[in-house]
C-alpha atoms as a PDB file:
ATOM      1  CA  GLN A   1     -10.242  22.044   1.487  1.00  0.00           C
ATOM      2  CA  VAL A   2      -7.992  19.526  -0.314  1.00  0.00           C
ATOM      3  CA  GLN A   3      -4.141  18.804   0.133  1.00  0.00           C
ATOM      4  CA  LEU A   4      -1.858  17.066  -2.235  1.00  0.00           C
ATOM      5  CA  VAL A   5       1.414  15.663  -0.484  1.00  0.00           C
ATOM      6  CA  GLU A   6       4.152  14.425  -2.928  1.00  0.00           C
ATOM      7  CA  SER A   7       7.019  12.265  -2.128  1.00  0.00           C
ATOM      8  CA  GLY A   8       9.583  10.198  -3.677  1.00  0.00           C
ATOM      9  CA  GLY A   9      11.950  12.733  -5.427  1.00  0.00           C
ATOM     10  CA  GLY A  10      15.882  12.861  -5.290  1.00  0.00           C
ATOM     11  CA  LEU A  11      19.146  12.480  -6.914  1.00  0.00           C
ATOM     12  CA  VAL A  12      19.645   9.628  -9.310  1.00  0.00           C
ATOM     13  CA  GLN A  13      22.147   8.659 -11.872  1.00  0.00           C
ATOM     14  CA  ALA A  14      21.215   8.715 -15.793  1.00  0.00           C
ATOM     15  CA  GLY A  15      19.649   5.493 -16.472  1.00  0.00           C
ATOM     16  CA  GLY A  16      18.147   4.873 -13.031  1.00  0.00           C
ATOM     17  CA  SER A  17      14.739   4.878 -11.675  1.00  0.00           C
ATOM     18  CA  LEU A  18      12.449   7.017  -9.311  1.00  0.00           C
ATOM     19  CA  ARG A  19       8.942   6.520  -7.927  1.00  0.00           C
ATOM     20  CA  LEU A  20       7.062   9.670  -7.187  1.00  0.00           C
ATOM     21  CA  SER A  21       3.937   9.417  -5.072  1.00  0.00           C
ATOM     22  CA  CYS A  22       1.016  11.763  -4.332  1.00  0.00           C
ATOM     23  CA  ALA A  23      -1.722  11.559  -1.734  1.00  0.00           C
ATOM     24  CA  ALA A  24      -4.905  13.656  -1.815  1.00  0.00           C
ATOM     25  CA  SER A  25      -6.763  14.321   1.498  1.00  0.00           C
ATOM     26  CA  GLY A  26      -9.578  16.598   2.522  1.00  0.00           C
ATOM     27  CA  ASN A  27     -13.254  16.546   1.986  1.00  0.00           C
ATOM     28  CA  ILE A  28     -13.093  14.397  -1.235  1.00  0.00           C
ATOM     29  CA  PHE A  29     -16.253  13.427  -3.372  1.00  0.00           C
ATOM     30  CA  SER A  30     -14.359  12.163  -6.135  1.00  0.00           C
ATOM     31  CA  ILE A  31     -11.320  12.631  -8.084  1.00  0.00           C
ATOM     32  CA  PRO A  32     -11.906  12.609 -11.842  1.00  0.00           C
ATOM     33  CA  GLU A  33      -8.255  13.201 -13.015  1.00  0.00           C
ATOM     34  CA  MET A  34      -4.892  13.188 -11.486  1.00  0.00           C
ATOM     35  CA  GLY A  35      -1.671  14.081 -13.017  1.00  0.00           C
ATOM     36  CA  TRP A  36       2.123  15.139 -12.834  1.00  0.00           C
ATOM     37  CA  TYR A  37       3.801  18.184 -14.386  1.00  0.00           C
ATOM     38  CA  ARG A  38       7.178  19.480 -14.237  1.00  0.00           C
ATOM     39  CA  GLN A  39       9.169  22.696 -14.490  1.00  0.00           C
ATOM     40  CA  ALA A  40      12.677  22.729 -15.353  1.00  0.00           C
ATOM     41  CA  PRO A  41      14.828  26.246 -14.503  1.00  0.00           C
ATOM     42  CA  GLY A  42      13.989  28.808 -17.073  1.00  0.00           C
ATOM     43  CA  LYS A  43      11.039  26.725 -18.647  1.00  0.00           C
ATOM     44  CA  GLN A  44       7.530  26.629 -18.661  1.00  0.00           C
ATOM     45  CA  ARG A  45       5.538  23.923 -16.583  1.00  0.00           C
ATOM     46  CA  GLU A  46       4.702  21.008 -18.845  1.00  0.00           C
ATOM     47  CA  LEU A  47       2.462  18.147 -18.496  1.00  0.00           C
ATOM     48  CA  VAL A  48       4.295  14.688 -18.023  1.00  0.00           C
ATOM     49  CA  ALA A  49       1.184  12.380 -17.531  1.00  0.00           C
ATOM     50  CA  ALA A  50      -2.331  12.440 -16.480  1.00  0.00           C
ATOM     51  CA  ILE A  51      -4.855   9.512 -15.618  1.00  0.00           C
ATOM     52  CA  ARG A  52      -8.429   9.358 -15.358  1.00  0.00           C
ATOM     53  CA  SER A  53      -8.656   5.592 -15.499  1.00  0.00           C
ATOM     54  CA  SER A  54      -6.449   2.689 -16.431  1.00  0.00           C
ATOM     55  CA  ALA A  55      -8.029   3.177 -19.895  1.00  0.00           C
ATOM     56  CA  ASP A  56      -7.636   6.955 -20.167  1.00  0.00           C
ATOM     57  CA  ILE A  57      -4.002   7.868 -19.633  1.00  0.00           C
ATOM     58  CA  ASN A  58      -2.019  10.730 -21.533  1.00  0.00           C
ATOM     59  CA  TYR A  59       1.728  10.968 -21.776  1.00  0.00           C
ATOM     60  CA  ALA A  60       4.096  13.566 -22.976  1.00  0.00           C
ATOM     61  CA  ASP A  61       6.022  12.435 -25.913  1.00  0.00           C
ATOM     62  CA  SER A  62       9.208  12.848 -24.178  1.00  0.00           C
ATOM     63  CA  VAL A  63       8.449  10.269 -21.435  1.00  0.00           C
ATOM     64  CA  MET A  64       6.436   7.817 -23.473  1.00  0.00           C
ATOM     65  CA  GLY A  65       7.901   4.349 -23.092  1.00  0.00           C
ATOM     66  CA  ARG A  66      10.029   5.418 -19.878  1.00  0.00           C
ATOM     67  CA  PHE A  67       7.525   6.742 -17.226  1.00  0.00           C
ATOM     68  CA  THR A  68       4.350   4.955 -16.197  1.00  0.00           C
ATOM     69  CA  ILE A  69       1.415   6.772 -14.283  1.00  0.00           C
ATOM     70  CA  SER A  70      -0.997   4.701 -12.294  1.00  0.00           C
ATOM     71  CA  ARG A  71      -3.517   5.633  -9.218  1.00  0.00           C
ATOM     72  CA  ASP A  72      -5.027   4.008  -6.319  1.00  0.00           C
ATOM     73  CA  ASN A  73      -8.567   5.224  -5.953  1.00  0.00           C
ATOM     74  CA  ALA A  74      -9.225   3.690  -2.611  1.00  0.00           C
ATOM     75  CA  LYS A  75      -6.135   5.759  -1.324  1.00  0.00           C
ATOM     76  CA  ASN A  76      -6.560   8.904  -3.324  1.00  0.00           C
ATOM     77  CA  THR A  77      -2.965   8.539  -4.638  1.00  0.00           C
ATOM     78  CA  VAL A  78      -1.229   8.637  -7.853  1.00  0.00           C
ATOM     79  CA  TYR A  79       2.239   7.207  -8.748  1.00  0.00           C
ATOM     80  CA  LEU A  80       4.676   7.970 -11.570  1.00  0.00           C
ATOM     81  CA  GLN A  81       7.326   5.256 -11.968  1.00  0.00           C
ATOM     82  CA  MET A  82      10.131   6.815 -13.802  1.00  0.00           C
ATOM     83  CA  ASN A  83      12.802   4.659 -15.596  1.00  0.00           C
ATOM     84  CA  SER A  84      15.737   5.158 -17.841  1.00  0.00           C
ATOM     85  CA  LEU A  85      15.981   8.783 -16.438  1.00  0.00           C
ATOM     86  CA  LYS A  86      17.768  11.364 -18.535  1.00  0.00           C
ATOM     87  CA  PRO A  87      19.611  14.329 -17.264  1.00  0.00           C
ATOM     88  CA  GLU A  88      16.823  16.436 -19.179  1.00  0.00           C
ATOM     89  CA  ASP A  89      14.266  14.816 -16.882  1.00  0.00           C
ATOM     90  CA  THR A  90      15.597  17.220 -14.217  1.00  0.00           C
ATOM     91  CA  ALA A  91      12.977  19.457 -12.924  1.00  0.00           C
ATOM     92  CA  VAL A  92      10.494  20.217  -9.949  1.00  0.00           C
ATOM     93  CA  TYR A  93       7.679  17.698 -10.161  1.00  0.00           C
ATOM     94  CA  TYR A  94       4.048  18.788  -9.494  1.00  0.00           C
ATOM     95  CA  CYS A  95       1.245  16.698  -8.710  1.00  0.00           C
ATOM     96  CA  SER A  96      -2.147  18.051  -9.796  1.00  0.00           C
ATOM     97  CA  ALA A  97      -5.670  16.759  -9.246  1.00  0.00           C
ATOM     98  CA  GLU A  98      -8.957  17.846 -10.610  1.00  0.00           C
ATOM     99  CA  VAL A  99     -11.214  17.042  -7.324  1.00  0.00           C
ATOM    100  CA  ARG A 100     -14.711  17.223  -6.663  1.00  0.00           C
ATOM    101  CA  VAL A 101     -15.006  18.411  -3.170  1.00  0.00           C
ATOM    102  CA  ALA A 102     -18.138  17.364  -0.899  1.00  0.00           C
ATOM    103  CA  HIS A 103     -20.199  20.211   0.178  1.00  0.00           C
ATOM    104  CA  GLY A 104     -23.239  19.699   2.135  1.00  0.00           C
ATOM    105  CA  HIS A 105     -25.334  17.530  -0.233  1.00  0.00           C
ATOM    106  CA  THR A 106     -23.514  18.388  -3.263  1.00  0.00           C
ATOM    107  CA  TRP A 107     -19.908  19.081  -4.591  1.00  0.00           C
ATOM    108  CA  TYR A 108     -17.966  21.565  -6.300  1.00  0.00           C
ATOM    109  CA  GLU A 109     -14.969  21.159  -8.759  1.00  0.00           C
ATOM    110  CA  GLY A 110     -11.345  22.531  -8.274  1.00  0.00           C
ATOM    111  CA  ASP A 111      -7.970  22.025  -9.480  1.00  0.00           C
ATOM    112  CA  TYR A 112      -5.354  21.562  -6.898  1.00  0.00           C
ATOM    113  CA  TRP A 113      -1.537  21.400  -6.862  1.00  0.00           C
ATOM    114  CA  GLY A 114       1.174  19.787  -4.685  1.00  0.00           C
ATOM    115  CA  GLN A 115       4.029  21.592  -3.316  1.00  0.00           C
ATOM    116  CA  GLY A 116       6.385  19.977  -5.690  1.00  0.00           C
ATOM    117  CA  THR A 117       9.416  17.678  -5.384  1.00  0.00           C
ATOM    118  CA  GLN A 118      12.791  18.255  -7.014  1.00  0.00           C
ATOM    119  CA  VAL A 119      14.051  15.278  -9.197  1.00  0.00           C
ATOM    120  CA  THR A 120      17.696  15.508 -10.234  1.00  0.00           C
ATOM    121  CA  VAL A 121      19.330  13.248 -12.858  1.00  0.00           C
ATOM    122  CA  SER A 122      22.974  13.461 -13.203  1.00  0.00           C
ATOM    123  CA  SER A 123      24.894  12.214 -16.239  1.00  0.00           C
END
């Protein structure tokens, strides 16, 4: 199986910065895509950013230019650097990964989620 463990959430004032990390562990063959989603109270979960490679990154319009996603393939870890935070960025942030799980002489693909980390931005 695969586990995703997030860290780095917390409380910050508007204009401040936070860095989220998410490490994947388990019987991993490869991880084609990693990403971050968020869910604010009363709202649907939404994509924040996703990365397949440094040349293949997707950001939500609302975070473009303020957030930066990156990954360390050797550590199976994805990061989200969040700058110029706004109160509307307040949400639970979830790490996601599309993982190819080693299984004998082959692999199967599955989507996995972290437990979520709270980010609160005060005005």
